[in-house]
N, C-alpha and C. Protein backbone atom coordinates (compact mmCIF):
# COMPACT_ATOMS: atom_id res chain seq x y z
N MET A 1 87.25 -5.58 98.34
CA MET A 1 87.98 -5.01 97.23
C MET A 1 86.96 -4.57 96.17
N THR A 2 87.16 -3.37 95.63
CA THR A 2 86.23 -2.86 94.63
C THR A 2 86.45 -3.56 93.29
N ALA A 3 85.50 -3.38 92.40
CA ALA A 3 85.61 -3.97 91.06
C ALA A 3 86.82 -3.40 90.33
N VAL A 4 87.06 -2.13 90.51
CA VAL A 4 88.22 -1.49 89.85
C VAL A 4 89.52 -2.08 90.40
N ALA A 5 89.59 -2.26 91.71
CA ALA A 5 90.80 -2.82 92.32
C ALA A 5 91.03 -4.25 91.84
N LYS A 6 89.95 -5.02 91.73
CA LYS A 6 90.08 -6.40 91.23
C LYS A 6 90.58 -6.41 89.79
N GLU A 7 90.00 -5.53 88.97
CA GLU A 7 90.43 -5.45 87.57
C GLU A 7 91.90 -5.07 87.47
N LEU A 8 92.30 -4.08 88.26
CA LEU A 8 93.70 -3.65 88.24
C LEU A 8 94.63 -4.77 88.71
N ALA A 9 94.23 -5.49 89.75
CA ALA A 9 95.04 -6.60 90.25
C ALA A 9 95.20 -7.68 89.18
N GLU A 10 94.13 -7.97 88.46
CA GLU A 10 94.21 -8.98 87.38
C GLU A 10 95.16 -8.52 86.28
N ILE A 11 95.08 -7.25 85.92
CA ILE A 11 95.97 -6.72 84.88
C ILE A 11 97.42 -6.78 85.34
N VAL A 12 97.67 -6.33 86.55
CA VAL A 12 99.05 -6.34 87.07
C VAL A 12 99.58 -7.76 87.16
N ASP A 13 98.74 -8.70 87.60
CA ASP A 13 99.17 -10.11 87.69
C ASP A 13 99.53 -10.71 86.34
N SER A 14 98.93 -10.17 85.28
CA SER A 14 99.18 -10.74 83.95
C SER A 14 100.43 -10.17 83.28
N LEU A 15 101.01 -9.15 83.87
CA LEU A 15 102.17 -8.48 83.26
C LEU A 15 103.48 -9.02 83.80
N PRO A 16 104.55 -8.86 83.02
CA PRO A 16 105.88 -9.17 83.56
C PRO A 16 106.19 -8.23 84.73
N GLU A 17 107.05 -8.67 85.62
CA GLU A 17 107.38 -7.92 86.84
C GLU A 17 107.75 -6.47 86.54
N GLU A 18 108.56 -6.24 85.55
CA GLU A 18 109.02 -4.88 85.23
C GLU A 18 107.84 -3.98 84.83
N LYS A 19 106.94 -4.50 84.01
CA LYS A 19 105.78 -3.72 83.58
C LYS A 19 104.80 -3.52 84.75
N ALA A 20 104.65 -4.52 85.59
CA ALA A 20 103.78 -4.40 86.76
C ALA A 20 104.32 -3.31 87.69
N ARG A 21 105.63 -3.25 87.85
CA ARG A 21 106.26 -2.22 88.69
C ARG A 21 105.97 -0.83 88.13
N GLU A 22 105.98 -0.69 86.80
CA GLU A 22 105.67 0.60 86.18
C GLU A 22 104.25 1.03 86.50
N ILE A 23 103.32 0.07 86.49
CA ILE A 23 101.93 0.36 86.82
C ILE A 23 101.82 0.84 88.28
N VAL A 24 102.51 0.15 89.18
CA VAL A 24 102.49 0.53 90.59
C VAL A 24 103.09 1.93 90.77
N ASP A 25 104.20 2.20 90.10
CA ASP A 25 104.82 3.52 90.20
C ASP A 25 103.88 4.61 89.69
N PHE A 26 103.19 4.34 88.59
CA PHE A 26 102.26 5.31 88.04
C PHE A 26 101.08 5.53 88.99
N ALA A 27 100.59 4.46 89.60
CA ALA A 27 99.49 4.59 90.56
C ALA A 27 99.92 5.44 91.75
N ARG A 28 101.15 5.26 92.21
CA ARG A 28 101.67 6.09 93.32
C ARG A 28 101.76 7.55 92.90
N PHE A 29 102.18 7.80 91.66
CA PHE A 29 102.25 9.16 91.13
C PHE A 29 100.86 9.79 91.15
N LEU A 30 99.85 9.06 90.68
CA LEU A 30 98.48 9.57 90.68
C LEU A 30 97.98 9.83 92.10
N GLN A 31 98.33 8.95 93.01
CA GLN A 31 97.93 9.09 94.40
C GLN A 31 98.52 10.37 95.00
N GLN A 32 99.79 10.62 94.71
CA GLN A 32 100.46 11.82 95.20
C GLN A 32 99.82 13.08 94.62
N GLN A 33 99.49 13.04 93.34
CA GLN A 33 98.85 14.20 92.71
C GLN A 33 97.51 14.50 93.36
N ALA A 34 96.77 13.48 93.71
CA ALA A 34 95.47 13.68 94.37
C ALA A 34 95.67 14.38 95.70
N GLY A 35 96.69 13.96 96.43
CA GLY A 35 97.00 14.62 97.71
C GLY A 35 97.44 16.05 97.51
N ASP A 36 98.25 16.29 96.47
CA ASP A 36 98.70 17.65 96.18
C ASP A 36 97.52 18.54 95.82
N ALA A 37 96.58 18.01 95.07
CA ALA A 37 95.41 18.80 94.67
C ALA A 37 94.59 19.19 95.90
N ALA A 38 94.48 18.27 96.85
CA ALA A 38 93.73 18.57 98.08
C ALA A 38 94.41 19.71 98.84
N TRP A 39 95.74 19.67 98.96
CA TRP A 39 96.46 20.74 99.65
C TRP A 39 96.32 22.06 98.90
N GLU A 40 96.36 22.02 97.58
CA GLU A 40 96.20 23.25 96.80
C GLU A 40 94.83 23.87 97.05
N ARG A 41 93.78 23.04 97.18
CA ARG A 41 92.45 23.57 97.49
C ARG A 41 92.44 24.21 98.87
N ILE A 42 93.09 23.57 99.84
CA ILE A 42 93.13 24.10 101.20
C ILE A 42 93.89 25.43 101.22
N ILE A 43 95.05 25.45 100.59
CA ILE A 43 95.88 26.66 100.58
C ILE A 43 95.18 27.80 99.84
N GLY A 44 94.48 27.48 98.77
CA GLY A 44 93.82 28.50 97.96
C GLY A 44 92.49 28.98 98.53
N ASP A 45 92.02 28.35 99.59
CA ASP A 45 90.74 28.73 100.19
C ASP A 45 90.88 30.12 100.81
N PRO A 46 90.03 31.08 100.42
CA PRO A 46 90.16 32.45 100.93
C PRO A 46 89.67 32.61 102.38
N GLN A 47 89.16 31.56 102.97
CA GLN A 47 88.67 31.63 104.36
C GLN A 47 89.80 32.09 105.28
N PRO A 48 89.54 33.06 106.17
CA PRO A 48 90.59 33.52 107.09
C PRO A 48 91.03 32.41 108.04
N ARG A 49 92.29 32.39 108.33
CA ARG A 49 92.87 31.39 109.24
C ARG A 49 93.49 32.16 110.42
N THR A 50 92.64 32.62 111.31
CA THR A 50 93.10 33.51 112.38
C THR A 50 94.10 32.84 113.32
N LYS A 51 93.89 31.58 113.65
CA LYS A 51 94.83 30.90 114.55
C LYS A 51 96.19 30.73 113.88
N LEU A 52 96.18 30.36 112.60
CA LEU A 52 97.44 30.20 111.88
C LEU A 52 98.15 31.55 111.73
N ASP A 53 97.38 32.60 111.42
CA ASP A 53 97.97 33.93 111.30
C ASP A 53 98.61 34.37 112.62
N LYS A 54 97.93 34.12 113.74
CA LYS A 54 98.48 34.48 115.06
C LYS A 54 99.73 33.67 115.35
N PHE A 55 99.71 32.38 115.04
CA PHE A 55 100.88 31.53 115.26
C PHE A 55 102.08 32.05 114.47
N ALA A 56 101.85 32.39 113.20
CA ALA A 56 102.94 32.89 112.36
C ALA A 56 103.47 34.22 112.88
N ALA A 57 102.58 35.11 113.28
CA ALA A 57 103.01 36.42 113.80
C ALA A 57 103.82 36.24 115.08
N ASP A 58 103.37 35.36 115.98
CA ASP A 58 104.10 35.10 117.22
C ASP A 58 105.49 34.53 116.92
N ALA A 59 105.56 33.61 115.98
CA ALA A 59 106.85 33.00 115.63
C ALA A 59 107.80 34.03 115.03
N LEU A 60 107.29 34.92 114.21
CA LEU A 60 108.14 35.95 113.61
C LEU A 60 108.63 36.94 114.66
N ARG A 61 107.83 37.21 115.69
CA ARG A 61 108.25 38.12 116.77
C ARG A 61 109.39 37.52 117.58
N GLU A 62 109.47 36.20 117.63
CA GLU A 62 110.55 35.54 118.38
C GLU A 62 111.90 35.76 117.74
N GLY A 63 111.94 36.14 116.50
CA GLY A 63 113.19 36.39 115.81
C GLY A 63 113.68 35.13 115.10
N PRO A 64 114.85 35.25 114.47
CA PRO A 64 115.36 34.11 113.70
C PRO A 64 115.69 32.92 114.60
N ALA A 65 115.47 31.74 114.07
CA ALA A 65 115.76 30.51 114.80
C ALA A 65 117.20 30.10 114.56
N GLU A 66 117.74 29.38 115.53
CA GLU A 66 119.09 28.84 115.36
C GLU A 66 119.02 27.66 114.40
N PRO A 67 120.08 27.44 113.64
CA PRO A 67 120.10 26.27 112.75
C PRO A 67 120.00 24.99 113.57
N LEU A 68 119.40 23.96 113.01
CA LEU A 68 119.25 22.69 113.68
C LEU A 68 120.61 22.03 113.87
N ASP A 69 120.92 21.68 115.10
CA ASP A 69 122.17 20.98 115.41
C ASP A 69 121.84 19.51 115.59
N LEU A 70 122.16 18.69 114.59
CA LEU A 70 121.82 17.27 114.63
C LEU A 70 122.49 16.52 115.77
N SER A 71 123.62 17.04 116.24
CA SER A 71 124.33 16.35 117.34
C SER A 71 123.56 16.47 118.66
N LYS A 72 122.61 17.41 118.74
CA LYS A 72 121.83 17.59 119.96
C LYS A 72 120.54 16.77 119.96
N LEU A 73 120.29 16.05 118.89
CA LEU A 73 119.05 15.25 118.83
C LEU A 73 119.19 13.96 119.59
């Protein structure tokens, strides 16, 4: 466990349950934002994606898809 993780664990342990839950929720929010930022960098990268472009073009040539029928799953 890192020093930061230990410090955070000590802080959370010292708080009432409700406040500790708020800290956990905020940490999850920050974690999600970090993941979103990574995807934004990937999506914004101007590098050509020839395989993805071909996949999308092939899928569009197939025409519209049927709606998902949950009873067939």
